[in-house]
Amino acid sequence: MTRIVIRNLGKSVEVSDFSETILKAVQEDGIDWMHACGGKGRCTTCKAVVLEGAENLAPPTAAEIRYRDRGLLKDGERLACQAVVLGSITVDVPEEGKLPHLTYLS
């Protein structure tokens, strides 16, 4: 079974469609995730910090490469709206992407 574990939310999502992004999969499961541009890769508000399973994501998109080149995505960070899930991963929501109505774990 392929899963996205969101460690600092204490939640996980099962993934069966390997064309889905992190953002789409978590939203379909009813989990809120910050994304100011509507999931189009035009900002960096939907960042995810990949803790485990980076090899289980499709290669970075042109948008992710552009933001990495500008220093707006660090090593280990991906845009949740762009990163296609191919296998199990564990991620954190970064501090700047945390939503005030959700409770995050340390």
C-alpha atoms as a PDB file:
ATOM      1  CA  MET A   1       0.000   0.000   0.000  1.00  0.00           C
ATOM      2  CA  THR A   2       1.327   3.449  -0.936  1.00  0.00           C
ATOM      3  CA  ARG A   3       0.909   6.141   1.695  1.00  0.00           C
ATOM      4  CA  ILE A   4       1.677   9.764   2.283  1.00  0.00           C
ATOM      5  CA  VAL A   5       2.458  10.218   5.972  1.00  0.00           C
ATOM      6  CA  ILE A   6       2.230  13.806   7.183  1.00  0.00           C
ATOM      7  CA  ARG A   7       4.338  13.429  10.302  1.00  0.00           C
ATOM      8  CA  ASN A   8       3.684  16.775  11.972  1.00  0.00           C
ATOM      9  CA  LEU A   9      -0.074  16.435  11.466  1.00  0.00           C
ATOM     10  CA  GLY A  10      -0.157  12.827  12.677  1.00  0.00           C
ATOM     11  CA  LYS A  11      -2.123  11.835   9.568  1.00  0.00           C
ATOM     12  CA  SER A  12      -1.662   9.605   6.562  1.00  0.00           C
ATOM     13  CA  VAL A  13      -3.339   9.225   3.194  1.00  0.00           C
ATOM     14  CA  GLU A  14      -3.545   6.165   0.970  1.00  0.00           C
ATOM     15  CA  VAL A  15      -2.565   6.753  -2.657  1.00  0.00           C
ATOM     16  CA  SER A  16      -3.728   4.512  -5.491  1.00  0.00           C
ATOM     17  CA  ASP A  17      -3.528   6.928  -8.444  1.00  0.00           C
ATOM     18  CA  PHE A  18       0.126   7.381  -9.346  1.00  0.00           C
ATOM     19  CA  SER A  19      -0.564  10.512 -11.355  1.00  0.00           C
ATOM     20  CA  GLU A  20      -1.681  12.470  -8.291  1.00  0.00           C
ATOM     21  CA  THR A  21       0.348  15.163  -6.619  1.00  0.00           C
ATOM     22  CA  ILE A  22       0.846  15.335  -2.869  1.00  0.00           C
ATOM     23  CA  LEU A  23      -1.572  18.278  -2.758  1.00  0.00           C
ATOM     24  CA  LYS A  24      -4.346  16.531  -4.681  1.00  0.00           C
ATOM     25  CA  ALA A  25      -4.054  13.337  -2.650  1.00  0.00           C
ATOM     26  CA  VAL A  26      -4.211  15.058   0.733  1.00  0.00           C
ATOM     27  CA  GLN A  27      -7.068  17.346  -0.320  1.00  0.00           C
ATOM     28  CA  GLU A  28      -9.095  14.417  -1.629  1.00  0.00           C
ATOM     29  CA  ASP A  29      -8.731  12.898   1.834  1.00  0.00           C
ATOM     30  CA  GLY A  30     -10.115  16.077   3.415  1.00  0.00           C
ATOM     31  CA  ILE A  31      -6.824  17.457   4.756  1.00  0.00           C
ATOM     32  CA  ASP A  32      -6.273  21.199   4.350  1.00  0.00           C
ATOM     33  CA  TRP A  33      -2.917  22.255   2.867  1.00  0.00           C
ATOM     34  CA  MET A  34      -1.832  25.820   2.118  1.00  0.00           C
ATOM     35  CA  HIS A  35      -1.757  26.684  -1.615  1.00  0.00           C
ATOM     36  CA  ALA A  36      -2.200  30.325  -2.589  1.00  0.00           C
ATOM     37  CA  CYS A  37      -2.013  29.925  -6.393  1.00  0.00           C
ATOM     38  CA  GLY A  38      -4.579  27.156  -6.632  1.00  0.00           C
ATOM     39  CA  GLY A  39      -2.021  24.409  -7.097  1.00  0.00           C
ATOM     40  CA  LYS A  40      -0.589  25.681 -10.363  1.00  0.00           C
ATOM     41  CA  GLY A  41       3.116  25.896  -9.408  1.00  0.00           C
ATOM     42  CA  ARG A  42       3.116  29.709  -9.431  1.00  0.00           C
ATOM     43  CA  CYS A  43       4.149  30.229  -5.811  1.00  0.00           C
ATOM     44  CA  THR A  44       5.813  28.264  -3.024  1.00  0.00           C
ATOM     45  CA  THR A  45       3.112  28.278  -0.352  1.00  0.00           C
ATOM     46  CA  CYS A  46       2.429  24.546  -0.716  1.00  0.00           C
ATOM     47  CA  LYS A  47       5.963  23.425   0.142  1.00  0.00           C
ATOM     48  CA  ALA A  48       6.398  19.996   1.668  1.00  0.00           C
ATOM     49  CA  VAL A  49       9.536  18.891   3.484  1.00  0.00           C
ATOM     50  CA  VAL A  50      10.267  15.346   2.348  1.00  0.00           C
ATOM     51  CA  LEU A  51      11.612  13.354   5.307  1.00  0.00           C
ATOM     52  CA  GLU A  52      11.547   9.878   3.754  1.00  0.00           C
ATOM     53  CA  GLY A  53      10.912   8.473   0.297  1.00  0.00           C
ATOM     54  CA  ALA A  54      12.170  11.308  -1.922  1.00  0.00           C
ATOM     55  CA  GLU A  55      12.995   8.617  -4.480  1.00  0.00           C
ATOM     56  CA  ASN A  56       9.266   7.794  -4.579  1.00  0.00           C
ATOM     57  CA  LEU A  57       8.382  11.153  -6.142  1.00  0.00           C
ATOM     58  CA  ALA A  58       8.527  11.969  -9.849  1.00  0.00           C
ATOM     59  CA  PRO A  59      11.455  14.212 -10.844  1.00  0.00           C
ATOM     60  CA  PRO A  60      11.102  17.918 -10.090  1.00  0.00           C
ATOM     61  CA  THR A  61       8.999  19.913 -12.530  1.00  0.00           C
ATOM     62  CA  ALA A  62      10.157  23.035 -14.377  1.00  0.00           C
ATOM     63  CA  ALA A  63       8.407  25.173 -11.739  1.00  0.00           C
ATOM     64  CA  GLU A  64      10.235  23.411  -8.913  1.00  0.00           C
ATOM     65  CA  ILE A  65      13.584  23.762 -10.687  1.00  0.00           C
ATOM     66  CA  ARG A  66      12.914  27.471 -11.253  1.00  0.00           C
ATOM     67  CA  TYR A  67      12.150  28.017  -7.553  1.00  0.00           C
ATOM     68  CA  ARG A  68      15.144  25.925  -6.489  1.00  0.00           C
ATOM     69  CA  ASP A  69      17.410  27.993  -8.766  1.00  0.00           C
ATOM     70  CA  ARG A  70      16.038  31.167  -7.120  1.00  0.00           C
ATOM     71  CA  GLY A  71      16.737  29.766  -3.649  1.00  0.00           C
ATOM     72  CA  LEU A  72      13.048  29.499  -2.766  1.00  0.00           C
ATOM     73  CA  LEU A  73      13.086  25.684  -2.455  1.00  0.00           C
ATOM     74  CA  LYS A  74      15.770  24.087  -0.299  1.00  0.00           C
ATOM     75  CA  ASP A  75      17.156  20.574  -0.565  1.00  0.00           C
ATOM     76  CA  GLY A  76      14.475  18.179   0.620  1.00  0.00           C
ATOM     77  CA  GLU A  77      11.614  20.542  -0.205  1.00  0.00           C
ATOM     78  CA  ARG A  78       9.104  19.970  -2.994  1.00  0.00           C
ATOM     79  CA  LEU A  79       6.002  21.804  -4.129  1.00  0.00           C
ATOM     80  CA  ALA A  80       3.053  19.685  -3.016  1.00  0.00           C
ATOM     81  CA  CYS A  81       1.113  20.814  -6.090  1.00  0.00           C
ATOM     82  CA  GLN A  82       3.833  19.580  -8.435  1.00  0.00           C
ATOM     83  CA  ALA A  83       5.353  16.486  -6.776  1.00  0.00           C
ATOM     84  CA  VAL A  84       3.696  13.369  -8.208  1.00  0.00           C
ATOM     85  CA  VAL A  85       3.587  10.454  -5.770  1.00  0.00           C
ATOM     86  CA  LEU A  86       4.957   7.150  -7.107  1.00  0.00           C
ATOM     87  CA  GLY A  87       5.463   5.377  -3.776  1.00  0.00           C
ATOM     88  CA  SER A  88       5.277   5.885  -0.027  1.00  0.00           C
ATOM     89  CA  ILE A  89       6.647   9.118   1.428  1.00  0.00           C
ATOM     90  CA  THR A  90       6.824  10.894   4.778  1.00  0.00           C
ATOM     91  CA  VAL A  91       6.574  14.678   4.805  1.00  0.00           C
ATOM     92  CA  ASP A  92       6.239  17.613   7.168  1.00  0.00           C
ATOM     93  CA  VAL A  93       4.367  20.842   6.607  1.00  0.00           C
ATOM     94  CA  PRO A  94       7.017  23.577   6.987  1.00  0.00           C
ATOM     95  CA  GLU A  95       6.504  26.300   9.575  1.00  0.00           C
ATOM     96  CA  GLU A  96       5.535  28.929   6.980  1.00  0.00           C
ATOM     97  CA  GLY A  97       2.879  26.635   5.486  1.00  0.00           C
ATOM     98  CA  LYS A  98       1.083  25.762   8.708  1.00  0.00           C
ATOM     99  CA  LEU A  99      -2.585  26.690   8.846  1.00  0.00           C
ATOM    100  CA  PRO A 100      -3.903  28.287  12.058  1.00  0.00           C
ATOM    101  CA  HIS A 101      -6.955  26.034  12.376  1.00  0.00           C
ATOM    102  CA  LEU A 102      -4.918  22.794  12.378  1.00  0.00           C
ATOM    103  CA  THR A 103      -2.981  21.301  15.281  1.00  0.00           C
ATOM    104  CA  TYR A 104       0.572  20.301  14.424  1.00  0.00           C
ATOM    105  CA  LEU A 105       2.811  17.962  16.365  1.00  0.00           C
ATOM    106  CA  SER A 106       6.360  18.896  17.403  1.00  0.00           C
END
